[in-house]
C-alpha atoms as a PDB file:
ATOM      1  CA  MET A   1      -1.488  11.392  -9.143  1.00  0.00           C
ATOM      2  CA  ARG A   2      -4.248  13.005  -7.146  1.00  0.00           C
ATOM      3  CA  ARG A   3      -5.366   9.660  -5.740  1.00  0.00           C
ATOM      4  CA  LEU A   4      -1.828   8.687  -4.755  1.00  0.00           C
ATOM      5  CA  PHE A   5      -1.846  10.841  -1.611  1.00  0.00           C
ATOM      6  CA  SER A   6      -5.553  10.553  -0.833  1.00  0.00           C
ATOM      7  CA  PHE A   7      -7.169   9.187   2.298  1.00  0.00           C
ATOM      8  CA  GLN A   8      -9.007   6.667   0.128  1.00  0.00           C
ATOM      9  CA  ALA A   9      -5.676   5.218  -1.022  1.00  0.00           C
ATOM     10  CA  GLY A  10      -4.634   4.889   2.611  1.00  0.00           C
ATOM     11  CA  ARG A  11      -7.921   3.205   3.436  1.00  0.00           C
ATOM     12  CA  ALA A  12      -7.495   0.844   0.471  1.00  0.00           C
ATOM     13  CA  LEU A  13      -4.343  -0.477   2.147  1.00  0.00           C
ATOM     14  CA  PHE A  14      -6.503  -1.793   4.985  1.00  0.00           C
ATOM     15  CA  GLY A  15      -9.501  -2.925   2.915  1.00  0.00           C
ATOM     16  CA  SER A  16      -9.110  -6.635   3.591  1.00  0.00           C
ATOM     17  CA  VAL A  17      -7.158  -9.021   5.770  1.00  0.00           C
ATOM     18  CA  PRO A  18      -4.618 -10.010   3.077  1.00  0.00           C
ATOM     19  CA  ARG A  19      -3.896  -6.346   2.378  1.00  0.00           C
ATOM     20  CA  VAL A  20      -3.371  -5.628   6.065  1.00  0.00           C
ATOM     21  CA  LEU A  21      -1.026  -8.601   6.310  1.00  0.00           C
ATOM     22  CA  ILE A  22       0.974  -7.358   3.312  1.00  0.00           C
ATOM     23  CA  VAL A  23       1.297  -3.854   4.780  1.00  0.00           C
ATOM     24  CA  PHE A  24       2.230  -4.978   8.285  1.00  0.00           C
ATOM     25  CA  GLY A  25       4.513  -7.706   6.919  1.00  0.00           C
ATOM     26  CA  SER A  26       6.364  -5.148   4.798  1.00  0.00           C
ATOM     27  CA  LEU A  27       6.772  -2.789   7.728  1.00  0.00           C
ATOM     28  CA  LEU A  28       7.895  -5.590  10.039  1.00  0.00           C
ATOM     29  CA  ALA A  29      10.418  -6.847   7.475  1.00  0.00           C
ATOM     30  CA  TYR A  30      11.775  -3.308   7.077  1.00  0.00           C
ATOM     31  CA  TYR A  31      12.054  -2.868  10.841  1.00  0.00           C
ATOM     32  CA  LEU A  32      13.871  -6.167  11.355  1.00  0.00           C
ATOM     33  CA  LEU A  33      16.188  -5.549   8.407  1.00  0.00           C
ATOM     34  CA  ALA A  34      16.915  -2.003   9.610  1.00  0.00           C
ATOM     35  CA  MET A  35      17.795  -3.279  13.067  1.00  0.00           C
ATOM     36  CA  TRP A  36      20.065  -5.923  11.599  1.00  0.00           C
ATOM     37  CA  VAL A  37      21.983  -3.631   9.193  1.00  0.00           C
ATOM     38  CA  GLU A  38      22.009  -0.533  11.419  1.00  0.00           C
ATOM     39  CA  PRO A  39      25.605  -1.015  12.647  1.00  0.00           C
ATOM     40  CA  TYR A  40      26.924  -1.461   9.106  1.00  0.00           C
ATOM     41  CA  VAL A  41      25.235   1.297   7.067  1.00  0.00           C
ATOM     42  CA  PRO A  42      24.887   5.054   7.584  1.00  0.00           C
ATOM     43  CA  TRP A  43      21.740   6.226   9.362  1.00  0.00           C
ATOM     44  CA  TRP A  44      20.555   8.242   6.368  1.00  0.00           C
ATOM     45  CA  LEU A  45      20.500   5.181   4.119  1.00  0.00           C
ATOM     46  CA  THR A  46      18.108   3.406   6.470  1.00  0.00           C
ATOM     47  CA  THR A  47      15.933   6.519   6.499  1.00  0.00           C
ATOM     48  CA  VAL A  48      15.890   6.785   2.709  1.00  0.00           C
ATOM     49  CA  VAL A  49      14.920   3.120   2.379  1.00  0.00           C
ATOM     50  CA  GLY A  50      12.127   3.690   4.914  1.00  0.00           C
ATOM     51  CA  PHE A  51      10.755   6.633   2.930  1.00  0.00           C
ATOM     52  CA  VAL A  52      10.932   4.625  -0.295  1.00  0.00           C
ATOM     53  CA  LEU A  53       8.978   1.857   1.432  1.00  0.00           C
ATOM     54  CA  LEU A  54       6.321   4.314   2.646  1.00  0.00           C
ATOM     55  CA  PHE A  55       5.914   5.882  -0.793  1.00  0.00           C
ATOM     56  CA  GLY A  56       5.790   2.390  -2.296  1.00  0.00           C
ATOM     57  CA  LEU A  57       2.991   1.470   0.089  1.00  0.00           C
ATOM     58  CA  LEU A  58       1.139   4.664  -0.827  1.00  0.00           C
ATOM     59  CA  TYR A  59       1.485   3.790  -4.495  1.00  0.00           C
ATOM     60  CA  LEU A  60       0.277   0.267  -3.789  1.00  0.00           C
ATOM     61  CA  GLY A  61      -2.742   1.734  -1.987  1.00  0.00           C
ATOM     62  CA  SER A  62      -3.577   3.881  -5.025  1.00  0.00           C
ATOM     63  CA  VAL A  63      -3.291   0.836  -7.311  1.00  0.00           C
ATOM     64  CA  TRP A  64      -5.585  -1.145  -5.026  1.00  0.00           C
ATOM     65  CA  LEU A  65      -7.996   1.812  -4.924  1.00  0.00           C
ATOM     66  CA  ASP A  66      -8.134   1.910  -8.744  1.00  0.00           C
ATOM     67  CA  HIS A  67      -8.707  -1.838  -8.754  1.00  0.00           C
ATOM     68  CA  ASP A  68     -11.536  -1.496  -6.228  1.00  0.00           C
ATOM     69  CA  ILE A  69     -13.140   1.322  -8.241  1.00  0.00           C
ATOM     70  CA  MET A  70     -12.972  -0.681 -11.466  1.00  0.00           C
ATOM     71  CA  ARG A  71     -14.349  -3.789  -9.746  1.00  0.00           C
ATOM     72  CA  ALA A  72     -17.232  -1.788  -8.249  1.00  0.00           C
ATOM     73  CA  ALA A  73     -18.042  -0.238 -11.627  1.00  0.00           C
ATOM     74  CA  GLU A  74     -17.921  -3.645 -13.288  1.00  0.00           C
ATOM     75  CA  HIS A  75     -20.182  -5.074 -10.599  1.00  0.00           C
ATOM     76  CA  GLU A  76     -22.587  -2.154 -10.995  1.00  0.00           C
ATOM     77  CA  SER A  77     -22.746  -2.566 -14.768  1.00  0.00           C
ATOM     78  CA  SER A  78     -23.385  -6.296 -14.476  1.00  0.00           C
ATOM     79  CA  ASP A  79     -26.266  -5.588 -12.077  1.00  0.00           C
ATOM     80  CA  GLY A  80     -27.810  -3.239 -14.624  1.00  0.00           C
ATOM     81  CA  ASP A  81     -27.705  -5.899 -17.354  1.00  0.00           C
ATOM     82  CA  ARG A  82     -29.776  -8.297 -15.272  1.00  0.00           C
ATOM     83  CA  SER A  83     -32.683  -5.877 -14.882  1.00  0.00           C
END
């Protein structure tokens, strides 16, 4: 839980080009969908969905951070075996 709201998790969202495309694509899709449904739904529902999206992206960043940490540790251990 501690890593969920860390700066490293935020940086993990922008660690590579595909990750950046996923983040910006998600935000763009939310923006376009919010503009399209704005006349038909209450304003607070759009806000709640936006916060859920942001927390989902933070969670995704923490998952990617854990993946990066495990991959770095695996890479480090494989380097030690070669020596």
